[in-house]
Amino acid sequence: MTAPTLTTDRLSLVAHHPEHLDALAAMWAEPAVYTMIGGVARSREEVWLRLLRSIGQWQAFGYGSWVWRDAAGTIVGEGGLMEARRAIDPPLMLPEANWVLAPAAHGRGYAGEALTAILAWAAAQGIARTTCIIDPANAASLRLAAKLGYRPVRDAAYNGRTVVVLER
């Protein structure tokens, strides 16, 4: 299975493709992107592996992430659902929602718009419950998660940092 294209009023959510590597690598090199998501820039190689993982999630699980494009076709972010199999104790047992925006797209409501469409698509597929992890200092993502119906269930250690585990 490949990612279906989803559309919102301002965005087109499309399947990851190798042609997206340059834009995604540039996005993941921005401190405004990675500071609250692991704290280190992603190398081009790491972004390539993330891109391939995103493609493979659809094959393995029937869901995954999308690349988000605005009306001009510019990549403004990416996100969706994933099976990260993170080393968190106890393990996350639900599909994990994830999102990231390019700095130029911050504060425009794109993440809420995209995730509303993604979660509606997931519900239509029978995926009613999801989880996410957020750095406790990431106030914007915590606000968005609350608007989407996520509620904190616990703190956890992940890669030497504390994260908030939320469920919806």
C-alpha atoms as a PDB file:
ATOM      1  CA  MET A   1       0.000   0.000   0.000  1.00  0.00           C
ATOM      2  CA  THR A   2       1.125   3.548  -0.637  1.00  0.00           C
ATOM      3  CA  ALA A   3      -0.064   6.678   1.123  1.00  0.00           C
ATOM      4  CA  PRO A   4      -3.296   8.048  -0.275  1.00  0.00           C
ATOM      5  CA  THR A   5      -3.229  11.740  -1.098  1.00  0.00           C
ATOM      6  CA  LEU A   6      -5.202  13.785   1.425  1.00  0.00           C
ATOM      7  CA  THR A   7      -6.211  17.379   0.820  1.00  0.00           C
ATOM      8  CA  THR A   8      -7.254  20.162   3.147  1.00  0.00           C
ATOM      9  CA  ASP A   9      -8.196  23.750   2.430  1.00  0.00           C
ATOM     10  CA  ARG A  10      -4.530  24.753   2.130  1.00  0.00           C
ATOM     11  CA  LEU A  11      -2.479  21.565   1.984  1.00  0.00           C
ATOM     12  CA  SER A  12      -1.890  18.464  -0.048  1.00  0.00           C
ATOM     13  CA  LEU A  13      -0.564  15.493   1.917  1.00  0.00           C
ATOM     14  CA  VAL A  14       1.330  13.173  -0.418  1.00  0.00           C
ATOM     15  CA  ALA A  15       3.364   9.977  -0.211  1.00  0.00           C
ATOM     16  CA  HIS A  16       7.071  10.308   0.522  1.00  0.00           C
ATOM     17  CA  HIS A  17       9.197  10.043  -2.603  1.00  0.00           C
ATOM     18  CA  PRO A  18      12.961  10.142  -3.182  1.00  0.00           C
ATOM     19  CA  GLU A  19      12.545  13.517  -4.902  1.00  0.00           C
ATOM     20  CA  HIS A  20      11.599  15.001  -1.500  1.00  0.00           C
ATOM     21  CA  LEU A  21      15.045  14.336  -0.012  1.00  0.00           C
ATOM     22  CA  ASP A  22      16.574  17.779  -0.604  1.00  0.00           C
ATOM     23  CA  ALA A  23      13.664  19.712   0.916  1.00  0.00           C
ATOM     24  CA  LEU A  24      13.346  17.337   3.868  1.00  0.00           C
ATOM     25  CA  ALA A  25      17.102  17.357   4.523  1.00  0.00           C
ATOM     26  CA  ALA A  26      17.074  21.170   4.528  1.00  0.00           C
ATOM     27  CA  MET A  27      14.129  21.182   6.932  1.00  0.00           C
ATOM     28  CA  TRP A  28      15.747  18.698   9.351  1.00  0.00           C
ATOM     29  CA  ALA A  29      18.964  20.773   9.381  1.00  0.00           C
ATOM     30  CA  GLU A  30      17.110  23.781  10.845  1.00  0.00           C
ATOM     31  CA  PRO A  31      17.548  24.326  14.618  1.00  0.00           C
ATOM     32  CA  ALA A  32      13.904  25.460  14.847  1.00  0.00           C
ATOM     33  CA  VAL A  33      12.953  21.963  13.664  1.00  0.00           C
ATOM     34  CA  TYR A  34      15.281  19.625  15.528  1.00  0.00           C
ATOM     35  CA  THR A  35      15.795  21.444  18.839  1.00  0.00           C
ATOM     36  CA  MET A  36      12.632  19.960  20.356  1.00  0.00           C
ATOM     37  CA  ILE A  37      12.893  16.695  18.410  1.00  0.00           C
ATOM     38  CA  GLY A  38      16.028  15.028  19.696  1.00  0.00           C
ATOM     39  CA  GLY A  39      18.137  18.165  19.920  1.00  0.00           C
ATOM     40  CA  VAL A  40      20.490  17.443  17.024  1.00  0.00           C
ATOM     41  CA  ALA A  41      20.350  18.101  13.295  1.00  0.00           C
ATOM     42  CA  ARG A  42      19.622  15.114  11.071  1.00  0.00           C
ATOM     43  CA  SER A  43      22.244  14.339   8.459  1.00  0.00           C
ATOM     44  CA  ARG A  44      21.191  13.888   4.844  1.00  0.00           C
ATOM     45  CA  GLU A  45      21.751  10.147   5.328  1.00  0.00           C
ATOM     46  CA  GLU A  46      19.476  10.069   8.393  1.00  0.00           C
ATOM     47  CA  VAL A  47      16.788  11.981   6.514  1.00  0.00           C
ATOM     48  CA  TRP A  48      17.115   9.518   3.631  1.00  0.00           C
ATOM     49  CA  LEU A  49      16.577   6.604   6.033  1.00  0.00           C
ATOM     50  CA  ARG A  50      13.571   8.417   7.580  1.00  0.00           C
ATOM     51  CA  LEU A  51      12.146   8.908   4.091  1.00  0.00           C
ATOM     52  CA  LEU A  52      12.570   5.216   3.282  1.00  0.00           C
ATOM     53  CA  ARG A  53      11.057   4.288   6.656  1.00  0.00           C
ATOM     54  CA  SER A  54       8.053   6.434   5.826  1.00  0.00           C
ATOM     55  CA  ILE A  55       7.583   4.614   2.525  1.00  0.00           C
ATOM     56  CA  GLY A  56       8.019   1.223   4.212  1.00  0.00           C
ATOM     57  CA  GLN A  57       5.531   1.938   7.024  1.00  0.00           C
ATOM     58  CA  TRP A  58       2.742   1.952   4.459  1.00  0.00           C
ATOM     59  CA  GLN A  59       3.841  -1.434   3.125  1.00  0.00           C
ATOM     60  CA  ALA A  60       4.200  -3.015   6.567  1.00  0.00           C
ATOM     61  CA  PHE A  61       1.276  -1.506   8.480  1.00  0.00           C
ATOM     62  CA  GLY A  62      -1.149   0.123   6.038  1.00  0.00           C
ATOM     63  CA  TYR A  63      -0.518   3.560   7.524  1.00  0.00           C
ATOM     64  CA  GLY A  64       2.357   5.972   7.762  1.00  0.00           C
ATOM     65  CA  SER A  65       3.380   9.557   7.232  1.00  0.00           C
ATOM     66  CA  TRP A  66       2.893  12.081   4.473  1.00  0.00           C
ATOM     67  CA  VAL A  67       4.857  14.999   3.043  1.00  0.00           C
ATOM     68  CA  TRP A  68       2.853  18.208   3.418  1.00  0.00           C
ATOM     69  CA  ARG A  69       2.780  20.688   0.512  1.00  0.00           C
ATOM     70  CA  ASP A  70       1.170  24.106   0.452  1.00  0.00           C
ATOM     71  CA  ALA A  71      -0.843  25.487  -2.491  1.00  0.00           C
ATOM     72  CA  ALA A  72       2.383  26.559  -4.237  1.00  0.00           C
ATOM     73  CA  GLY A  73       3.756  23.010  -3.951  1.00  0.00           C
ATOM     74  CA  THR A  74       6.370  23.933  -1.348  1.00  0.00           C
ATOM     75  CA  ILE A  75       7.104  21.263   1.240  1.00  0.00           C
ATOM     76  CA  VAL A  76       6.047  22.780   4.562  1.00  0.00           C
ATOM     77  CA  GLY A  77       6.293  19.710   6.775  1.00  0.00           C
ATOM     78  CA  GLU A  78       5.723  16.024   7.197  1.00  0.00           C
ATOM     79  CA  GLY A  79       3.883  13.764   9.577  1.00  0.00           C
ATOM     80  CA  GLY A  80       1.269  11.125  10.112  1.00  0.00           C
ATOM     81  CA  LEU A  81       1.292   7.841  11.986  1.00  0.00           C
ATOM     82  CA  MET A  82       4.172   5.474  12.559  1.00  0.00           C
ATOM     83  CA  GLU A  83       5.380   2.371  14.318  1.00  0.00           C
ATOM     84  CA  ALA A  84       8.644   3.677  15.750  1.00  0.00           C
ATOM     85  CA  ARG A  85       9.270   0.784  18.179  1.00  0.00           C
ATOM     86  CA  ARG A  86      11.069   3.261  20.422  1.00  0.00           C
ATOM     87  CA  ALA A  87      13.155   2.166  23.392  1.00  0.00           C
ATOM     88  CA  ILE A  88      10.664   3.595  25.892  1.00  0.00           C
ATOM     89  CA  ASP A  89       9.686   1.629  28.989  1.00  0.00           C
ATOM     90  CA  PRO A  90       6.912   0.643  29.053  1.00  0.00           C
ATOM     91  CA  PRO A  91       6.716   0.512  25.248  1.00  0.00           C
ATOM     92  CA  LEU A  92       4.237   2.557  23.253  1.00  0.00           C
ATOM     93  CA  MET A  93       1.462   0.196  22.201  1.00  0.00           C
ATOM     94  CA  LEU A  94      -0.505   2.455  19.832  1.00  0.00           C
ATOM     95  CA  PRO A  95       0.328   3.987  16.462  1.00  0.00           C
ATOM     96  CA  GLU A  96       2.367   7.124  17.100  1.00  0.00           C
ATOM     97  CA  ALA A  97       1.297  10.455  15.632  1.00  0.00           C
ATOM     98  CA  ASN A  98       4.176  12.626  14.489  1.00  0.00           C
ATOM     99  CA  TRP A  99       4.555  16.041  12.935  1.00  0.00           C
ATOM    100  CA  VAL A 100       7.249  18.518  11.977  1.00  0.00           C
ATOM    101  CA  LEU A 101       7.056  21.860  10.194  1.00  0.00           C
ATOM    102  CA  ALA A 102       9.603  23.858   8.251  1.00  0.00           C
ATOM    103  CA  PRO A 103      10.381  27.096  10.125  1.00  0.00           C
ATOM    104  CA  ALA A 104       8.695  29.248   7.459  1.00  0.00           C
ATOM    105  CA  ALA A 105       5.454  27.346   8.125  1.00  0.00           C
ATOM    106  CA  HIS A 106       5.448  27.796  11.911  1.00  0.00           C
ATOM    107  CA  GLY A 107       2.427  29.585  13.359  1.00  0.00           C
ATOM    108  CA  ARG A 108       0.166  29.209  10.301  1.00  0.00           C
ATOM    109  CA  GLY A 109      -2.023  26.401  11.600  1.00  0.00           C
ATOM    110  CA  TYR A 110      -0.745  23.903   9.033  1.00  0.00           C
ATOM    111  CA  ALA A 111       0.021  21.183  11.577  1.00  0.00           C
ATOM    112  CA  GLY A 112      -3.470  21.301  13.055  1.00  0.00           C
ATOM    113  CA  GLU A 113      -5.008  21.274   9.593  1.00  0.00           C
ATOM    114  CA  ALA A 114      -2.894  18.341   8.420  1.00  0.00           C
ATOM    115  CA  LEU A 115      -3.328  16.314  11.602  1.00  0.00           C
ATOM    116  CA  THR A 116      -7.088  16.820  11.632  1.00  0.00           C
ATOM    117  CA  ALA A 117      -7.186  15.280   8.143  1.00  0.00           C
ATOM    118  CA  ILE A 118      -4.764  12.503   9.119  1.00  0.00           C
ATOM    119  CA  LEU A 119      -6.657  11.564  12.266  1.00  0.00           C
ATOM    120  CA  ALA A 120      -9.967  11.580  10.364  1.00  0.00           C
ATOM    121  CA  TRP A 121      -8.410   9.285   7.763  1.00  0.00           C
ATOM    122  CA  ALA A 122      -7.078   7.037  10.566  1.00  0.00           C
ATOM    123  CA  ALA A 123     -10.503   6.863  12.239  1.00  0.00           C
ATOM    124  CA  ALA A 124     -12.053   5.845   8.908  1.00  0.00           C
ATOM    125  CA  GLN A 125      -9.494   2.995   8.792  1.00  0.00           C
ATOM    126  CA  GLY A 126     -10.493   1.825  12.284  1.00  0.00           C
ATOM    127  CA  ILE A 127      -7.506   3.410  14.026  1.00  0.00           C
ATOM    128  CA  ALA A 128      -9.317   5.120  16.881  1.00  0.00           C
ATOM    129  CA  ARG A 129      -6.518   5.416  19.443  1.00  0.00           C
ATOM    130  CA  THR A 130      -3.073   6.893  18.909  1.00  0.00           C
ATOM    131  CA  THR A 131      -0.192   8.143  21.003  1.00  0.00           C
ATOM    132  CA  CYS A 132       2.536  10.748  20.617  1.00  0.00           C
ATOM    133  CA  ILE A 133       5.616  11.881  22.478  1.00  0.00           C
ATOM    134  CA  ILE A 134       6.556  15.528  22.936  1.00  0.00           C
ATOM    135  CA  ASP A 135       9.448  17.329  24.587  1.00  0.00           C
ATOM    136  CA  PRO A 136       7.975  18.982  27.723  1.00  0.00           C
ATOM    137  CA  ALA A 137       9.496  22.317  26.619  1.00  0.00           C
ATOM    138  CA  ASN A 138       7.686  22.211  23.257  1.00  0.00           C
ATOM    139  CA  ALA A 139       4.721  24.358  24.260  1.00  0.00           C
ATOM    140  CA  ALA A 140       3.420  24.735  20.687  1.00  0.00           C
ATOM    141  CA  SER A 141       3.224  20.975  20.102  1.00  0.00           C
ATOM    142  CA  LEU A 142       1.695  20.372  23.520  1.00  0.00           C
ATOM    143  CA  ARG A 143      -1.012  22.970  22.730  1.00  0.00           C
ATOM    144  CA  LEU A 144      -1.666  21.367  19.354  1.00  0.00           C
ATOM    145  CA  ALA A 145      -1.834  17.887  20.874  1.00  0.00           C
ATOM    146  CA  ALA A 146      -4.393  19.121  23.429  1.00  0.00           C
ATOM    147  CA  LYS A 147      -6.505  20.690  20.657  1.00  0.00           C
ATOM    148  CA  LEU A 148      -6.421  17.364  18.821  1.00  0.00           C
ATOM    149  CA  GLY A 149      -7.634  15.522  21.914  1.00  0.00           C
ATOM    150  CA  TYR A 150      -4.358  14.116  23.212  1.00  0.00           C
ATOM    151  CA  ARG A 151      -3.978  13.903  26.985  1.00  0.00           C
ATOM    152  CA  PRO A 152      -0.754  13.320  28.937  1.00  0.00           C
ATOM    153  CA  VAL A 153      -0.518   9.846  30.440  1.00  0.00           C
ATOM    154  CA  ARG A 154       3.071   9.823  31.766  1.00  0.00           C
ATOM    155  CA  ASP A 155       6.590  11.115  31.413  1.00  0.00           C
ATOM    156  CA  ALA A 156       9.214   8.790  29.983  1.00  0.00           C
ATOM    157  CA  ALA A 157      12.938   8.739  29.318  1.00  0.00           C
ATOM    158  CA  TYR A 158      13.890   8.554  25.655  1.00  0.00           C
ATOM    159  CA  ASN A 159      17.427   8.944  24.306  1.00  0.00           C
ATOM    160  CA  GLY A 160      18.589  10.596  27.508  1.00  0.00           C
ATOM    161  CA  ARG A 161      15.781  13.158  27.508  1.00  0.00           C
ATOM    162  CA  THR A 162      12.417  13.351  29.214  1.00  0.00           C
ATOM    163  CA  VAL A 163       9.361  13.250  26.945  1.00  0.00           C
ATOM    164  CA  VAL A 164       5.661  13.501  27.676  1.00  0.00           C
ATOM    165  CA  VAL A 165       3.677  10.490  26.438  1.00  0.00           C
ATOM    166  CA  LEU A 166       0.166  11.461  25.337  1.00  0.00           C
ATOM    167  CA  GLU A 167      -2.770   9.396  24.112  1.00  0.00           C
ATOM    168  CA  ARG A 168      -5.909  10.144  22.141  1.00  0.00           C
END
